[in-house]
Amino acid sequence: MRNLVLIAALLGAVAQPALAQSAAEKQALVAAIASAGCRVNAGNNAQILNAAGVSEDVAAAIVQALLDSGEAVREGGDLVLRTGGC
């Protein structure tokens, strides 16, 4: 399931409720994505979630917020970060 959370959010397949996430959780996820080359895909999704230390629900909400704000974009099947040193 962990492997599918960010990918599902990328594809818009899962409607996530507006969950409150802390700035620290967002920062941790952004840092984990940046450390993985600024790109989330099926091959590195689980590693990013583990490195960030956030729950699946929180990660999905953060990804949606990043997409909504333009801090990340979809490229093919990947999420590409446009912030956090990327």
C-alpha atoms as a PDB file:
ATOM      1  CA  MET A   1       0.000   0.000   0.000  1.00  0.00           C
ATOM      2  CA  ARG A   2       2.809   2.432   0.817  1.00  0.00           C
ATOM      3  CA  ASN A   3       4.096   2.128  -2.729  1.00  0.00           C
ATOM      4  CA  LEU A   4       0.780   3.254  -4.108  1.00  0.00           C
ATOM      5  CA  VAL A   5       0.004   6.270  -1.945  1.00  0.00           C
ATOM      6  CA  LEU A   6       2.072   8.950  -3.675  1.00  0.00           C
ATOM      7  CA  ILE A   7       1.588   7.364  -7.077  1.00  0.00           C
ATOM      8  CA  ALA A   8      -2.186   7.337  -6.591  1.00  0.00           C
ATOM      9  CA  ALA A   9      -2.090  10.983  -5.583  1.00  0.00           C
ATOM     10  CA  LEU A  10      -0.021  11.720  -8.673  1.00  0.00           C
ATOM     11  CA  LEU A  11      -2.570  10.151 -10.926  1.00  0.00           C
ATOM     12  CA  GLY A  12      -5.496  11.746  -9.147  1.00  0.00           C
ATOM     13  CA  ALA A  13      -6.921   8.313  -8.466  1.00  0.00           C
ATOM     14  CA  VAL A  14      -7.507   8.970  -4.782  1.00  0.00           C
ATOM     15  CA  ALA A  15      -9.499  11.882  -3.464  1.00  0.00           C
ATOM     16  CA  GLN A  16      -7.843  12.803  -0.188  1.00  0.00           C
ATOM     17  CA  PRO A  17      -9.586  14.793   2.501  1.00  0.00           C
ATOM     18  CA  ALA A  18      -8.008  18.068   3.469  1.00  0.00           C
ATOM     19  CA  LEU A  19      -5.804  16.841   6.282  1.00  0.00           C
ATOM     20  CA  ALA A  20      -3.864  19.160   8.465  1.00  0.00           C
ATOM     21  CA  GLN A  21      -0.177  18.560   8.118  1.00  0.00           C
ATOM     22  CA  SER A  22       2.529  20.345   9.992  1.00  0.00           C
ATOM     23  CA  ALA A  23       5.255  22.428   8.416  1.00  0.00           C
ATOM     24  CA  ALA A  24       7.728  19.894   9.804  1.00  0.00           C
ATOM     25  CA  GLU A  25       5.975  17.023   8.021  1.00  0.00           C
ATOM     26  CA  LYS A  26       5.935  18.949   4.749  1.00  0.00           C
ATOM     27  CA  GLN A  27       9.591  19.868   5.174  1.00  0.00           C
ATOM     28  CA  ALA A  28      10.492  16.226   5.874  1.00  0.00           C
ATOM     29  CA  LEU A  29       8.692  14.981   2.771  1.00  0.00           C
ATOM     30  CA  VAL A  30      10.160  17.710   0.552  1.00  0.00           C
ATOM     31  CA  ALA A  31      13.645  16.915   1.886  1.00  0.00           C
ATOM     32  CA  ALA A  32      13.169  13.192   1.252  1.00  0.00           C
ATOM     33  CA  ILE A  33      12.001  13.850  -2.317  1.00  0.00           C
ATOM     34  CA  ALA A  34      14.902  16.247  -2.926  1.00  0.00           C
ATOM     35  CA  SER A  35      17.351  13.637  -1.605  1.00  0.00           C
ATOM     36  CA  ALA A  36      15.910  11.136  -4.078  1.00  0.00           C
ATOM     37  CA  GLY A  37      16.674  13.378  -7.047  1.00  0.00           C
ATOM     38  CA  CYS A  38      13.546  15.549  -6.851  1.00  0.00           C
ATOM     39  CA  ARG A  39      11.422  12.858  -8.468  1.00  0.00           C
ATOM     40  CA  VAL A  40       8.933  10.351  -7.018  1.00  0.00           C
ATOM     41  CA  ASN A  41       8.120   7.219  -8.980  1.00  0.00           C
ATOM     42  CA  ALA A  42       7.118   3.632  -8.326  1.00  0.00           C
ATOM     43  CA  GLY A  43      10.761   2.677  -7.822  1.00  0.00           C
ATOM     44  CA  ASN A  44      11.549   5.127  -5.023  1.00  0.00           C
ATOM     45  CA  ASN A  45       8.151   5.843  -3.485  1.00  0.00           C
ATOM     46  CA  ALA A  46       8.516   3.526  -0.467  1.00  0.00           C
ATOM     47  CA  GLN A  47      12.040   4.787   0.257  1.00  0.00           C
ATOM     48  CA  ILE A  48      10.806   8.406   0.228  1.00  0.00           C
ATOM     49  CA  LEU A  49       7.900   7.653   2.558  1.00  0.00           C
ATOM     50  CA  ASN A  50      10.208   5.849   4.976  1.00  0.00           C
ATOM     51  CA  ALA A  51      12.798   8.645   4.892  1.00  0.00           C
ATOM     52  CA  ALA A  52      10.155  11.311   5.522  1.00  0.00           C
ATOM     53  CA  GLY A  53       8.610   9.408   8.418  1.00  0.00           C
ATOM     54  CA  VAL A  54       5.082  10.570   7.665  1.00  0.00           C
ATOM     55  CA  SER A  55       1.904   8.539   7.426  1.00  0.00           C
ATOM     56  CA  GLU A  56       0.417   7.602   4.082  1.00  0.00           C
ATOM     57  CA  ASP A  57      -2.538   9.951   4.587  1.00  0.00           C
ATOM     58  CA  VAL A  58      -0.329  12.883   5.504  1.00  0.00           C
ATOM     59  CA  ALA A  59       1.991  12.203   2.552  1.00  0.00           C
ATOM     60  CA  ALA A  60      -0.928  12.142   0.132  1.00  0.00           C
ATOM     61  CA  ALA A  61      -2.280  15.423   1.525  1.00  0.00           C
ATOM     62  CA  ILE A  62       1.142  17.066   1.276  1.00  0.00           C
ATOM     63  CA  VAL A  63       1.572  15.867  -2.316  1.00  0.00           C
ATOM     64  CA  GLN A  64      -1.799  17.325  -3.237  1.00  0.00           C
ATOM     65  CA  ALA A  65      -0.875  20.631  -1.582  1.00  0.00           C
ATOM     66  CA  LEU A  66       2.438  20.685  -3.462  1.00  0.00           C
ATOM     67  CA  LEU A  67       0.615  20.094  -6.746  1.00  0.00           C
ATOM     68  CA  ASP A  68      -2.019  22.720  -5.971  1.00  0.00           C
ATOM     69  CA  SER A  69       0.624  25.330  -5.126  1.00  0.00           C
ATOM     70  CA  GLY A  70       2.801  24.585  -8.148  1.00  0.00           C
ATOM     71  CA  GLU A  71       5.670  23.389  -5.952  1.00  0.00           C
ATOM     72  CA  ALA A  72       5.450  20.042  -7.748  1.00  0.00           C
ATOM     73  CA  VAL A  73       4.206  18.902 -11.132  1.00  0.00           C
ATOM     74  CA  ARG A  74       3.319  15.644 -12.827  1.00  0.00           C
ATOM     75  CA  GLU A  75       5.623  14.470 -15.583  1.00  0.00           C
ATOM     76  CA  GLY A  76       4.498  11.188 -17.063  1.00  0.00           C
ATOM     77  CA  GLY A  77       3.948   8.923 -14.086  1.00  0.00           C
ATOM     78  CA  ASP A  78       6.339  10.822 -11.842  1.00  0.00           C
ATOM     79  CA  LEU A  79       5.953  13.624  -9.351  1.00  0.00           C
ATOM     80  CA  VAL A  80       8.654  16.229  -9.915  1.00  0.00           C
ATOM     81  CA  LEU A  81       9.453  18.660  -7.114  1.00  0.00           C
ATOM     82  CA  ARG A  82       9.993  22.293  -8.124  1.00  0.00           C
ATOM     83  CA  THR A  83      11.046  23.544  -4.713  1.00  0.00           C
ATOM     84  CA  GLY A  84      13.360  22.542  -1.883  1.00  0.00           C
ATOM     85  CA  GLY A  85      16.563  22.855  -3.863  1.00  0.00           C
ATOM     86  CA  CYS A  86      15.261  21.081  -6.935  1.00  0.00           C
END
